[in-house]
Amino acid sequence: MKKLILFSLFCITLISCNENSKKQTQPKTQRGLITSKAMVVSARAEASKIGTDILKKGGNAFDAMMATEMALAVTYPYAGNLGGGGFMVYRLNDGTFGALDYREKAPLAATKNMYLDEEGNVIKDKSTVGAFAVGIPGTVAGIFAAHEKFGSLPITEILQPVIDLANNGFVITEKQQQRFTEYDSIFNAVNEKEILFSKHTKANDTIKNLKLAETLKRIASKGKEEFYKGETAKHLVDFLSQKGGIITLEDLELYEAKWRDPIAFNYKDIKVVSMSPPSSGGICLAQIMKMIEPFDIQQYGHNSLKAIKVIVEAERRAYADRSFYLGDPDFVDIPTNHLLSDVYLQERMSDFSFKNPTISDSLSYGIIPGYESDQTTHYSIVDQFGNAVSVTTTLNGAYGSKLYVDELGFFLNNEMDDFSSKPGVPNVYGLIGAEANSIAPQKRMLSAMTPTIIEKEGELHMVLGTPGGSTIITSVLQTILNVEEFGMTMQQAVDAPRFHHQWLPDEIRMEVNRFPDELKQQLQKSGYPINEEAPPITARVDAILVLDDGSLEAGADHRGDDTADGF
């Protein structure tokens, strides 16, 4: 009996040790910031805090949108802006969805061949650097349109903390200082002098943007009209004229943000709502998710050989369609219903095989019967009333056109490069366009921005988006799948390694040193070229997940200085 008792104790001890060993070796569940009522996630801590403070004062998500967007213009000149544009997708607490398009437009003097030489070739840098690359800015019109329809606090109360931030200054991070140094020579070349943001600034220095504070004061006092018809407008047009630009006061006066119906679709048990054209984000995201839905990628495993093959082939086909069919819906007829129909998408994937990849050169856009920039920024907001906004905004390239209006305190965009300067010729992100996205006066250029909101069982479930140029759509896609298919927390989903395929060039771009060598070798043996030398995948996903108990979990991307705040 004694031996039996000793043996039993030994077994219990062994089991206990094994259990403790398992607990020690299993990774802890990584979660982002958890709050109970409201949250803002953005590229800068100051912007997230200012947005949150507006919510604490009783403001709603649309008040916080204005504050956050303008705070990013102060602290994140890389992409935050007054001189650019963007898109917003929203969900009200009653379940109503909508979208706002404040994308830039081509000036009245723009022409189809304005970036081509006499022989019809694209002139290097003409659509990306300097005044001739600038589209009519839409950001100020966008934040005022959102506030006019849904805002609750006075404009002056919303913008005062941002004005104070510009006057008092913000601290430069190490990543920010590296970017200032990297772009310093081109800043000096384009502006013909040293600007506020130069290589001489150091990490932990404080930058005060007094000129931007003055601009924001005038806008707070006089409203949107100040930017498009007032003193700011006149100074902006004079500045661009001196630098060789073609934007006029008439261009600014004609600009309006536009309310649009978002793209909505179901994927298994979730409803996904994303941005409609002139963003390609919603349509491409819907196409990819609908094409992969019949496959059991959960069983294949996260970033497994089979899962990557299915996702890459769906991405390849969606980006091929993007190149031909998508543009400004006010100028071209987009066959949205056909592009998103189950019959069409089943046909698009009908030649998919796990054995052999589809060669992009052999794949064109689908036949329809009858027929952004790596340097962008995103923020997600959920307020204490249950409203949600997902906003992606950009200057296009890093610091846009690199042209800095020193008397107004902000950079100007180079969005004209997002048009197809010449059909079939890739833009700065390697994206190829067709006639649907050719240049025309007052036309909005195609974008990849994908602000997205997800609903589950009729309730708010997720708010997300990202910068990243052509990789925006695929990064949003993988973040959603990481949560819905692979059971990750919001922070884990944001942190996970990413890959990307955009039809042409025919290669899989992967985050460097984040995928196993064995997996990469298997893909290459299967006929999928891997490129880790290409420009890096620069997506910085900022997301919010509503947990089962109603609290909010942030996913703030560690790849940048992104930060969540809330209460």
Protein backbone atom coordinates (compact mmCIF):
# COMPACT_ATOMS: atom_id res chain seq x y z
CA MET A 1 0.00 0.00 0.00
CA LYS A 2 2.86 2.36 0.92
CA LYS A 3 4.52 1.73 -2.45
CA LEU A 4 1.19 2.38 -4.19
CA ILE A 5 0.76 5.69 -2.37
CA LEU A 6 4.33 6.73 -3.20
CA PHE A 7 3.81 5.80 -6.85
CA SER A 8 0.57 7.81 -6.95
CA LEU A 9 2.31 10.83 -5.44
CA PHE A 10 5.11 10.48 -8.01
CA CYS A 11 2.57 10.42 -10.85
CA ILE A 12 0.74 13.46 -9.50
CA THR A 13 4.04 15.33 -9.14
CA LEU A 14 5.07 14.35 -12.68
CA ILE A 15 1.75 15.50 -14.12
CA SER A 16 1.99 18.75 -12.18
CA CYS A 17 5.53 19.34 -13.45
CA ASN A 18 4.44 18.65 -17.01
CA GLU A 19 1.53 21.07 -16.66
CA ASN A 20 3.84 23.74 -15.22
CA SER A 21 6.28 23.09 -18.05
CA LYS A 22 3.51 23.56 -20.61
CA LYS A 23 2.44 26.80 -18.95
CA GLN A 24 6.00 28.08 -19.03
CA THR A 25 6.61 27.20 -22.67
CA GLN A 26 3.29 28.42 -24.08
CA PRO A 27 3.45 32.06 -25.21
CA LYS A 28 1.44 34.52 -23.23
CA THR A 29 -1.56 36.03 -24.99
CA GLN A 30 -0.45 39.47 -26.14
CA ARG A 31 -3.10 42.13 -26.04
CA GLY A 32 -3.01 45.81 -26.76
CA LEU A 33 -4.45 48.54 -24.56
CA ILE A 34 -7.87 47.60 -23.12
CA THR A 35 -10.44 50.30 -22.36
CA SER A 36 -14.07 50.08 -21.35
CA LYS A 37 -15.72 52.99 -23.17
CA ALA A 38 -13.78 54.73 -25.92
CA MET A 39 -10.52 54.54 -27.86
CA VAL A 40 -8.37 56.31 -30.44
CA VAL A 41 -5.47 54.56 -32.20
CA SER A 42 -3.20 56.61 -34.46
CA ALA A 43 0.36 57.10 -35.64
CA ARG A 44 1.30 59.43 -32.79
CA ALA A 45 0.69 59.40 -29.05
CA GLU A 46 -0.12 63.13 -29.03
CA ALA A 47 -2.83 62.71 -31.68
CA SER A 48 -4.41 59.75 -29.90
CA LYS A 49 -4.41 61.66 -26.61
CA ILE A 50 -5.95 64.79 -28.11
CA GLY A 51 -8.66 62.71 -29.79
CA THR A 52 -9.34 60.93 -26.50
CA ASP A 53 -9.48 64.21 -24.58
CA ILE A 54 -12.14 65.47 -26.98
CA LEU A 55 -14.17 62.33 -26.26
CA LYS A 56 -13.72 62.87 -22.51
CA LYS A 57 -15.18 66.36 -22.93
CA GLY A 58 -18.36 64.77 -24.31
CA GLY A 59 -17.45 64.98 -27.98
CA ASN A 60 -18.24 62.13 -30.34
CA ALA A 61 -16.16 60.17 -32.85
CA PHE A 62 -16.54 62.86 -35.52
CA ASP A 63 -15.33 65.60 -33.19
CA ALA A 64 -12.40 63.36 -32.29
CA MET A 65 -11.79 62.77 -36.01
CA MET A 66 -11.19 66.48 -36.62
CA ALA A 67 -8.92 66.79 -33.59
CA THR A 68 -6.93 63.65 -34.36
CA GLU A 69 -6.51 64.49 -38.04
CA MET A 70 -5.22 67.98 -37.31
CA ALA A 71 -2.97 66.74 -34.49
CA LEU A 72 -1.39 64.33 -36.98
CA ALA A 73 -0.85 67.29 -39.32
CA VAL A 74 1.21 68.85 -36.53
CA THR A 75 3.14 65.84 -35.21
CA TYR A 76 3.35 63.54 -38.22
CA PRO A 77 4.20 65.67 -41.30
CA TYR A 78 5.34 62.49 -43.08
CA ALA A 79 1.66 61.83 -43.88
CA GLY A 80 -0.56 63.84 -41.51
CA ASN A 81 -1.73 66.86 -43.42
CA LEU A 82 -3.73 69.89 -44.38
CA GLY A 83 -2.32 69.65 -47.90
CA GLY A 84 -3.57 66.16 -48.79
CA GLY A 85 -6.80 64.17 -48.65
CA GLY A 86 -8.38 60.92 -47.54
CA PHE A 87 -11.38 58.70 -46.93
CA MET A 88 -13.61 57.93 -43.95
CA VAL A 89 -15.91 54.98 -43.31
CA TYR A 90 -18.26 55.33 -40.34
CA ARG A 91 -20.80 53.32 -38.37
CA LEU A 92 -23.30 55.06 -36.12
CA ASN A 93 -24.52 53.48 -32.91
CA ASP A 94 -27.82 52.62 -34.62
CA GLY A 95 -26.01 50.45 -37.17
CA THR A 96 -26.05 53.01 -40.02
CA PHE A 97 -22.98 52.91 -42.26
CA GLY A 98 -21.62 55.57 -44.61
CA ALA A 99 -18.48 56.88 -46.30
CA LEU A 100 -16.90 60.25 -46.99
CA ASP A 101 -14.58 60.91 -49.93
CA TYR A 102 -12.22 63.84 -49.47
CA ARG A 103 -9.69 62.65 -52.00
CA GLU A 104 -7.75 65.30 -53.91
CA LYS A 105 -8.79 66.35 -57.42
CA ALA A 106 -6.92 67.28 -60.59
CA PRO A 107 -6.82 71.04 -61.29
CA LEU A 108 -8.90 72.56 -64.09
CA ALA A 109 -5.72 73.08 -66.13
CA ALA A 110 -4.74 69.39 -65.90
CA THR A 111 -4.47 67.43 -69.14
CA LYS A 112 -4.31 63.75 -69.96
CA ASN A 113 -0.69 63.88 -71.19
CA MET A 114 0.70 66.50 -68.81
CA TYR A 115 3.46 64.18 -67.56
CA LEU A 116 4.59 62.92 -70.97
CA ASP A 117 7.36 64.23 -73.21
CA GLU A 118 7.06 64.88 -76.95
CA GLU A 119 7.67 61.21 -77.67
CA GLY A 120 4.93 60.11 -75.30
CA ASN A 121 7.21 58.87 -72.52
CA VAL A 122 6.65 59.60 -68.83
CA ILE A 123 8.93 62.40 -67.61
CA LYS A 124 10.78 61.22 -64.51
CA ASP A 125 9.77 62.92 -61.21
CA LYS A 126 7.35 65.36 -62.85
CA SER A 127 4.30 63.73 -61.24
CA THR A 128 5.98 63.09 -57.89
CA VAL A 129 8.14 66.10 -56.93
CA GLY A 130 7.37 69.80 -56.78
CA ALA A 131 4.38 72.04 -57.49
CA PHE A 132 3.32 70.37 -60.77
CA ALA A 133 2.61 67.14 -58.85
CA VAL A 134 0.10 68.71 -56.44
CA GLY A 135 -3.60 67.87 -56.53
CA ILE A 136 -6.30 70.08 -54.99
CA PRO A 137 -6.20 69.33 -51.24
CA GLY A 138 -9.32 67.82 -49.65
CA THR A 139 -8.47 67.26 -45.98
CA VAL A 140 -9.92 70.49 -44.57
CA ALA A 141 -13.13 70.05 -46.58
CA GLY A 142 -13.36 66.46 -45.31
CA ILE A 143 -13.10 67.16 -41.59
CA PHE A 144 -15.59 70.03 -41.86
CA ALA A 145 -18.06 67.93 -43.87
CA ALA A 146 -17.94 65.21 -41.19
CA HIS A 147 -18.36 67.74 -38.40
CA GLU A 148 -21.20 69.58 -40.11
CA LYS A 149 -23.19 66.36 -40.45
CA PHE A 150 -22.36 64.60 -37.18
CA GLY A 151 -20.19 66.77 -34.91
CA SER A 152 -21.35 68.08 -31.55
CA LEU A 153 -18.65 70.30 -30.02
CA PRO A 154 -17.75 73.79 -31.33
CA ILE A 155 -14.91 73.90 -33.87
CA THR A 156 -12.90 76.28 -31.69
CA GLU A 157 -13.06 73.88 -28.74
CA ILE A 158 -11.96 70.95 -30.93
CA LEU A 159 -9.03 72.75 -32.57
CA GLN A 160 -7.68 74.70 -29.58
CA PRO A 161 -5.66 71.72 -28.20
CA VAL A 162 -4.15 71.22 -31.65
CA ILE A 163 -3.23 74.90 -31.91
CA ASP A 164 -1.62 74.65 -28.46
CA LEU A 165 0.30 71.57 -29.63
CA ALA A 166 1.66 73.42 -32.66
CA ASN A 167 2.64 76.42 -30.50
CA ASN A 168 4.18 74.43 -27.65
CA GLY A 169 5.81 71.83 -29.88
CA PHE A 170 6.10 68.06 -30.07
CA VAL A 171 9.00 65.75 -29.33
CA ILE A 172 10.81 64.18 -32.30
CA THR A 173 11.07 60.40 -32.09
CA GLU A 174 14.09 58.44 -33.28
CA LYS A 175 12.18 57.08 -36.28
CA GLN A 176 11.05 60.58 -37.19
CA GLN A 177 14.57 61.98 -36.93
CA GLN A 178 15.83 59.24 -39.25
CA ARG A 179 13.22 60.23 -41.84
CA PHE A 180 14.08 63.93 -41.59
CA THR A 181 17.73 63.06 -42.24
CA GLU A 182 16.86 60.72 -45.10
CA TYR A 183 14.80 63.34 -46.95
CA ASP A 184 16.78 66.44 -46.04
CA SER A 185 18.64 66.76 -49.34
CA ILE A 186 15.47 66.55 -51.41
CA PHE A 187 13.70 69.00 -49.06
CA ASN A 188 16.49 71.49 -49.71
CA ALA A 189 16.52 70.86 -53.46
CA VAL A 190 12.76 71.24 -53.94
CA ASN A 191 12.32 74.20 -51.59
CA GLU A 192 15.68 75.79 -52.44
CA LYS A 193 16.34 76.37 -48.75
CA GLU A 194 16.35 74.60 -45.42
CA ILE A 195 12.86 74.02 -43.99
CA LEU A 196 11.56 73.51 -40.46
CA PHE A 197 12.15 69.76 -40.61
CA SER A 198 15.82 69.25 -41.34
CA LYS A 199 18.62 66.78 -40.63
CA HIS A 200 19.87 69.13 -37.92
CA THR A 201 16.95 68.16 -35.68
CA LYS A 202 17.69 65.41 -33.18
CA ALA A 203 15.60 62.76 -31.50
CA ASN A 204 14.01 64.14 -28.31
CA ASP A 205 14.26 67.73 -29.61
CA THR A 206 11.02 69.74 -29.55
CA ILE A 207 9.70 71.27 -32.77
CA LYS A 208 7.28 74.19 -32.65
CA ASN A 209 5.31 74.92 -35.80
CA LEU A 210 4.16 78.49 -35.16
CA LYS A 211 3.08 79.11 -38.77
CA LEU A 212 0.83 76.08 -38.74
CA ALA A 213 -0.65 77.28 -35.44
CA GLU A 214 -1.56 80.58 -37.12
CA THR A 215 -3.13 78.74 -40.06
CA LEU A 216 -5.18 76.57 -37.71
CA LYS A 217 -6.32 79.65 -35.74
CA ARG A 218 -7.70 81.22 -38.91
CA ILE A 219 -9.45 77.96 -39.87
CA ALA A 220 -10.91 77.58 -36.37
CA SER A 221 -12.25 81.13 -36.52
CA LYS A 222 -13.45 81.32 -40.13
CA GLY A 223 -14.13 77.67 -41.00
CA LYS A 224 -13.54 75.72 -44.19
CA GLU A 225 -13.92 78.86 -46.30
CA GLU A 226 -10.63 80.16 -44.90
CA PHE A 227 -8.72 77.31 -46.54
CA TYR A 228 -10.57 77.39 -49.87
CA LYS A 229 -11.43 81.09 -50.32
CA GLY A 230 -9.73 83.13 -47.60
CA GLU A 231 -6.26 84.38 -46.76
CA THR A 232 -4.86 80.83 -46.59
CA ALA A 233 -6.22 80.03 -50.06
CA LYS A 234 -4.71 83.16 -51.60
CA HIS A 235 -1.32 82.55 -50.04
CA LEU A 236 -1.38 78.89 -51.15
CA VAL A 237 -2.22 79.75 -54.78
CA ASP A 238 0.43 82.51 -54.92
CA PHE A 239 3.01 80.12 -53.50
CA LEU A 240 2.18 77.36 -56.01
CA SER A 241 2.20 79.81 -58.91
CA GLN A 242 5.70 80.96 -57.99
CA LYS A 243 6.83 77.33 -57.87
CA GLY A 244 5.36 76.35 -61.25
CA GLY A 245 2.06 74.87 -60.09
CA ILE A 246 -1.30 75.11 -61.88
CA ILE A 247 -3.83 75.17 -59.02
CA THR A 248 -5.94 78.34 -59.01
CA LEU A 249 -8.38 80.00 -56.61
CA GLU A 250 -11.18 78.66 -58.79
CA ASP A 251 -9.87 75.12 -58.23
CA LEU A 252 -9.97 75.62 -54.46
CA GLU A 253 -13.41 77.27 -54.51
CA LEU A 254 -14.88 74.38 -56.52
CA TYR A 255 -13.59 71.65 -54.20
CA GLU A 256 -16.15 69.72 -52.13
CA ALA A 257 -15.90 66.51 -50.13
CA LYS A 258 -18.45 63.92 -51.27
CA TRP A 259 -20.61 61.45 -49.33
CA ARG A 260 -20.62 58.00 -50.90
CA ASP A 261 -22.10 54.57 -50.29
CA PRO A 262 -19.41 52.23 -48.96
CA ILE A 263 -18.72 48.71 -50.24
CA ALA A 264 -20.42 46.13 -47.99
CA PHE A 265 -20.16 42.35 -48.18
CA ASN A 266 -20.30 39.24 -46.02
CA TYR A 267 -17.43 36.89 -45.26
CA LYS A 268 -18.62 33.86 -43.34
CA ASP A 269 -20.26 35.28 -40.19
CA ILE A 270 -19.00 38.86 -40.42
CA LYS A 271 -20.15 41.90 -42.39
CA VAL A 272 -17.28 43.94 -43.84
CA VAL A 273 -17.81 47.59 -44.80
CA SER A 274 -15.00 49.38 -46.61
CA MET A 275 -14.29 52.35 -48.88
CA SER A 276 -15.82 52.63 -52.33
CA PRO A 277 -14.26 54.18 -55.47
CA PRO A 278 -12.34 56.29 -56.14
CA SER A 279 -10.63 54.06 -53.60
CA SER A 280 -10.01 50.56 -54.88
CA GLY A 281 -9.75 49.32 -51.31
CA GLY A 282 -13.29 48.10 -50.71
CA ILE A 283 -13.79 46.38 -54.06
CA CYS A 284 -10.38 44.66 -54.01
CA LEU A 285 -10.79 43.58 -50.39
CA ALA A 286 -14.23 42.15 -51.20
CA GLN A 287 -12.94 40.32 -54.27
CA ILE A 288 -10.04 38.74 -52.40
CA MET A 289 -12.11 37.67 -49.40
CA LYS A 290 -14.88 36.25 -51.56
CA MET A 291 -12.35 34.32 -53.67
CA ILE A 292 -10.68 32.73 -50.63
CA GLU A 293 -13.92 32.08 -48.69
CA PRO A 294 -14.52 28.59 -50.20
CA PHE A 295 -11.07 27.44 -48.99
CA ASP A 296 -10.49 26.26 -45.43
CA ILE A 297 -7.52 28.51 -44.73
CA GLN A 298 -8.03 28.10 -40.99
CA GLN A 299 -7.24 24.41 -41.37
CA TYR A 300 -4.25 25.18 -43.60
CA GLY A 301 -2.75 27.29 -40.80
CA HIS A 302 -1.54 30.87 -40.42
CA ASN A 303 1.03 31.85 -43.09
CA SER A 304 1.24 28.21 -44.19
CA LEU A 305 2.26 27.19 -47.69
CA LYS A 306 -1.31 26.39 -48.77
CA ALA A 307 -2.85 29.48 -47.15
CA ILE A 308 -0.32 31.80 -48.80
CA LYS A 309 -0.90 30.21 -52.21
CA VAL A 310 -4.67 30.72 -51.99
CA ILE A 311 -4.39 34.31 -50.76
CA VAL A 312 -1.69 35.26 -53.30
CA GLU A 313 -3.72 33.92 -56.22
CA ALA A 314 -6.81 35.84 -55.09
CA GLU A 315 -4.73 39.00 -54.66
CA ARG A 316 -3.21 38.55 -58.11
CA ARG A 317 -6.63 38.44 -59.76
CA ALA A 318 -8.10 41.34 -57.78
CA TYR A 319 -5.16 43.66 -58.58
CA ALA A 320 -5.41 42.74 -62.28
CA ASP A 321 -9.07 43.84 -62.25
CA ARG A 322 -8.11 46.97 -60.32
CA SER A 323 -5.72 48.04 -63.05
CA PHE A 324 -8.42 48.06 -65.71
CA TYR A 325 -11.82 48.79 -64.21
CA LEU A 326 -11.36 51.20 -61.31
CA GLY A 327 -11.24 54.99 -61.26
CA ASP A 328 -13.34 57.98 -60.23
CA PRO A 329 -17.00 56.86 -60.38
CA ASP A 330 -18.02 60.43 -61.31
CA PHE A 331 -16.08 59.98 -64.57
CA VAL A 332 -16.19 56.25 -65.41
CA ASP A 333 -18.77 53.48 -65.10
CA ILE A 334 -17.47 50.84 -62.70
CA PRO A 335 -19.19 47.43 -62.99
CA THR A 336 -19.20 46.94 -59.21
CA ASN A 337 -22.01 44.39 -59.08
CA HIS A 338 -20.34 42.18 -61.67
CA LEU A 339 -16.90 42.50 -60.07
CA LEU A 340 -18.34 41.33 -56.74
CA SER A 341 -20.73 38.67 -58.03
CA ASP A 342 -20.17 35.10 -56.83
CA VAL A 343 -20.38 33.73 -60.39
CA TYR A 344 -17.71 36.12 -61.67
CA LEU A 345 -15.33 35.49 -58.76
CA GLN A 346 -15.76 31.72 -58.95
CA GLU A 347 -14.79 31.95 -62.61
CA ARG A 348 -11.77 34.09 -61.75
CA MET A 349 -10.47 31.35 -59.40
CA SER A 350 -11.54 28.41 -61.54
CA ASP A 351 -8.04 27.86 -62.94
CA PHE A 352 -6.33 28.03 -59.55
CA SER A 353 -4.18 25.02 -58.66
CA PHE A 354 -2.13 24.23 -55.57
CA LYS A 355 0.41 22.59 -57.89
CA ASN A 356 1.18 25.43 -60.28
CA PRO A 357 0.98 29.22 -59.85
CA THR A 358 -0.86 31.42 -62.32
CA ILE A 359 1.71 33.46 -64.26
CA SER A 360 0.78 37.14 -64.05
CA ASP A 361 1.80 37.78 -67.67
CA SER A 362 -0.80 35.21 -68.71
CA LEU A 363 -3.48 36.77 -66.50
CA SER A 364 -5.43 39.85 -67.51
CA TYR A 365 -8.45 41.54 -66.06
CA GLY A 366 -11.64 39.54 -65.98
CA ILE A 367 -14.22 39.86 -68.74
CA ILE A 368 -17.36 41.64 -67.62
CA PRO A 369 -20.49 40.92 -69.65
CA GLY A 370 -21.51 44.17 -71.27
CA TYR A 371 -18.92 46.17 -70.34
CA GLU A 372 -2.45 54.79 -52.12
CA SER A 373 1.25 55.44 -51.01
CA ASP A 374 3.37 53.77 -48.76
CA GLN A 375 3.45 57.12 -46.96
CA THR A 376 -0.09 57.40 -45.67
CA THR A 377 -1.54 57.34 -42.17
CA HIS A 378 -4.61 55.79 -40.58
CA TYR A 379 -6.52 56.19 -37.35
CA SER A 380 -9.43 54.32 -35.80
CA ILE A 381 -11.90 55.74 -33.27
CA VAL A 382 -14.72 54.27 -31.21
CA ASP A 383 -16.56 56.71 -28.93
CA GLN A 384 -18.43 56.19 -25.68
CA PHE A 385 -21.74 56.42 -27.55
CA GLY A 386 -20.99 53.44 -29.80
CA ASN A 387 -20.11 55.39 -32.97
CA ALA A 388 -17.03 54.37 -34.95
CA VAL A 389 -14.90 55.97 -37.66
CA SER A 390 -12.12 54.50 -39.74
CA VAL A 391 -10.03 57.14 -41.50
CA THR A 392 -7.09 56.90 -43.89
CA THR A 393 -5.44 60.12 -45.03
CA THR A 394 -2.33 60.88 -47.05
CA LEU A 395 0.02 63.19 -48.88
CA ASN A 396 0.82 60.20 -51.14
CA GLY A 397 4.64 60.00 -51.18
CA ALA A 398 6.70 60.60 -48.05
CA TYR A 399 6.09 64.28 -47.27
CA GLY A 400 4.09 64.38 -50.52
CA SER A 401 5.65 66.55 -53.22
CA LYS A 402 8.36 67.57 -50.66
CA LEU A 403 7.11 71.12 -51.25
CA TYR A 404 6.69 72.91 -47.92
CA VAL A 405 4.59 76.07 -47.64
CA ASP A 406 6.63 77.68 -44.89
CA GLU A 407 4.25 80.62 -44.35
CA LEU A 408 1.37 78.18 -43.76
CA GLY A 409 3.33 75.43 -42.02
CA PHE A 410 2.51 72.31 -44.04
CA PHE A 411 3.60 70.06 -46.91
CA LEU A 412 1.65 69.61 -50.14
CA ASN A 413 0.65 66.30 -51.71
CA ASN A 414 1.91 64.64 -54.89
CA GLU A 415 -1.36 62.82 -55.57
CA MET A 416 -1.26 63.51 -59.31
CA ASP A 417 1.07 60.49 -59.50
CA ASP A 418 -1.85 58.26 -58.51
CA PHE A 419 -3.43 58.88 -61.90
CA SER A 420 -2.27 56.78 -64.82
CA SER A 421 0.17 59.20 -66.44
CA LYS A 422 0.34 56.72 -69.28
CA PRO A 423 -1.84 53.57 -69.36
CA GLY A 424 0.27 50.47 -68.79
CA VAL A 425 3.16 52.34 -67.14
CA PRO A 426 3.53 51.74 -63.36
CA ASN A 427 3.36 54.58 -60.85
CA VAL A 428 5.73 55.08 -57.91
CA TYR A 429 4.23 52.00 -56.17
CA GLY A 430 4.50 49.77 -59.24
CA LEU A 431 0.73 49.85 -59.76
CA ILE A 432 -0.40 49.80 -63.37
CA GLY A 433 -3.46 51.74 -64.48
CA ALA A 434 -5.61 52.05 -67.56
CA GLU A 435 -7.92 54.58 -69.21
CA ALA A 436 -10.36 54.47 -66.27
CA ASN A 437 -7.73 56.27 -64.15
CA SER A 438 -6.39 58.67 -66.77
CA ILE A 439 -5.98 62.37 -65.90
CA ALA A 440 -8.90 64.77 -66.40
CA PRO A 441 -9.77 68.15 -64.85
CA GLN A 442 -11.69 67.89 -61.55
CA LYS A 443 -11.26 64.10 -61.53
CA ARG A 444 -10.22 62.22 -58.37
CA MET A 445 -7.29 59.85 -58.70
CA LEU A 446 -7.59 56.15 -57.84
CA SER A 447 -6.42 55.07 -54.37
CA ALA A 448 -5.65 51.88 -52.46
CA MET A 449 -6.76 53.30 -49.09
CA THR A 450 -8.98 50.81 -47.26
CA PRO A 451 -10.58 52.24 -44.09
CA THR A 452 -12.78 49.39 -42.88
CA ILE A 453 -15.38 48.63 -40.22
CA ILE A 454 -16.62 45.12 -39.39
CA GLU A 455 -19.87 44.05 -37.83
CA LYS A 456 -20.61 40.68 -36.24
CA GLU A 457 -24.07 39.47 -35.26
CA GLY A 458 -25.36 42.99 -35.86
CA GLU A 459 -22.88 44.60 -33.45
CA LEU A 460 -19.71 46.64 -33.96
CA HIS A 461 -16.81 44.20 -34.09
CA MET A 462 -13.67 45.81 -35.55
CA VAL A 463 -12.35 49.14 -36.85
CA LEU A 464 -9.12 49.14 -38.84
CA GLY A 465 -7.02 50.46 -41.67
CA THR A 466 -3.43 51.23 -42.57
CA PRO A 467 -1.02 53.22 -44.71
CA GLY A 468 1.19 51.25 -47.09
CA GLY A 469 0.54 52.22 -50.72
CA SER A 470 -0.27 49.16 -52.78
CA THR A 471 0.16 46.97 -49.67
CA ILE A 472 -2.74 48.64 -47.83
CA ILE A 473 -5.41 46.26 -49.12
CA THR A 474 -3.45 43.08 -48.44
CA SER A 475 -2.39 44.24 -44.96
CA VAL A 476 -5.99 45.02 -43.96
CA LEU A 477 -6.99 41.63 -45.38
CA GLN A 478 -4.40 39.70 -43.36
CA THR A 479 -5.23 41.56 -40.15
CA ILE A 480 -8.90 40.62 -40.50
CA LEU A 481 -8.03 36.99 -41.25
CA ASN A 482 -5.62 36.84 -38.33
CA VAL A 483 -8.50 37.61 -35.96
CA GLU A 484 -11.35 35.79 -37.69
CA GLU A 485 -9.59 32.68 -39.03
CA PHE A 486 -6.61 32.26 -36.73
CA GLY A 487 -8.01 33.43 -33.39
CA MET A 488 -5.44 36.13 -32.66
CA THR A 489 -5.87 39.06 -30.32
CA MET A 490 -6.01 42.47 -32.01
CA GLN A 491 -2.41 43.23 -31.11
CA GLN A 492 -1.18 39.82 -32.29
CA ALA A 493 -3.07 40.28 -35.57
CA VAL A 494 -1.38 43.64 -36.14
CA ASP A 495 2.07 42.37 -35.15
CA ALA A 496 2.01 39.24 -37.35
CA PRO A 497 4.34 38.99 -40.42
CA ARG A 498 2.85 40.22 -43.72
CA PHE A 499 3.21 39.33 -47.38
CA HIS A 500 1.88 40.96 -50.53
CA HIS A 501 1.16 40.27 -54.21
CA GLN A 502 -0.20 42.90 -56.62
CA TRP A 503 -0.34 41.06 -59.97
CA LEU A 504 2.64 42.92 -61.46
CA PRO A 505 5.49 42.57 -60.78
CA ASP A 506 4.91 38.82 -60.49
CA GLU A 507 6.44 38.21 -57.07
CA ILE A 508 5.54 37.80 -53.42
CA ARG A 509 6.88 40.62 -51.28
CA MET A 510 7.57 39.53 -47.73
CA GLU A 511 8.63 41.34 -44.59
CA VAL A 512 12.35 40.75 -44.26
CA ASN A 513 13.50 38.04 -41.82
CA ARG A 514 9.98 37.31 -40.61
CA PHE A 515 9.16 34.15 -42.57
CA PRO A 516 10.94 30.76 -42.19
CA ASP A 517 13.54 29.96 -44.83
CA GLU A 518 11.92 26.57 -45.38
CA LEU A 519 8.60 28.20 -46.25
CA LYS A 520 10.24 30.62 -48.68
CA GLN A 521 12.11 27.78 -50.33
CA GLN A 522 8.89 25.78 -50.70
CA LEU A 523 7.16 28.73 -52.34
CA GLN A 524 10.05 29.28 -54.74
CA LYS A 525 10.12 25.59 -55.66
CA SER A 526 6.39 25.85 -56.37
CA GLY A 527 7.06 28.67 -58.83
CA TYR A 528 6.42 31.72 -56.62
CA PRO A 529 9.28 34.25 -56.77
CA ILE A 530 10.06 35.82 -53.37
CA ASN A 531 11.31 39.39 -53.13
CA GLU A 532 12.64 40.69 -49.82
CA GLU A 533 14.76 43.30 -51.58
CA ALA A 534 11.81 45.35 -52.85
CA PRO A 535 10.69 48.47 -50.96
CA PRO A 536 9.55 47.15 -47.58
CA ILE A 537 5.92 46.53 -46.73
CA THR A 538 5.26 49.76 -44.85
CA ALA A 539 1.76 49.09 -43.57
CA ARG A 540 1.15 50.39 -40.04
CA VAL A 541 -2.20 48.95 -39.03
CA ASP A 542 -4.13 50.81 -36.34
CA ALA A 543 -7.14 48.83 -35.22
CA ILE A 544 -9.76 48.39 -32.52
CA LEU A 545 -11.49 45.11 -31.61
CA VAL A 546 -14.68 44.97 -29.54
CA LEU A 547 -14.28 42.12 -27.06
CA ASP A 548 -17.03 39.79 -25.86
CA ASP A 549 -17.62 41.85 -22.71
CA GLY A 550 -17.97 45.07 -24.73
CA SER A 551 -14.56 46.46 -23.83
CA LEU A 552 -12.15 47.62 -26.55
CA GLU A 553 -8.74 46.21 -27.45
CA ALA A 554 -6.25 48.25 -29.45
CA GLY A 555 -3.86 47.05 -32.07
CA ALA A 556 -1.24 49.79 -32.45
CA ASP A 557 1.45 48.87 -34.94
CA HIS A 558 4.91 48.42 -33.41
CA ARG A 559 6.48 49.11 -36.81
CA GLY A 560 5.92 52.82 -36.21
CA ASP A 561 5.38 55.14 -33.25
CA ASP A 562 1.69 54.22 -33.29
CA THR A 563 -0.12 54.52 -29.97
CA ALA A 564 -3.56 53.88 -28.50
CA ASP A 565 -5.34 56.00 -25.93
CA GLY A 566 -8.76 55.82 -24.37
CA PHE A 567 -10.84 55.43 -21.26
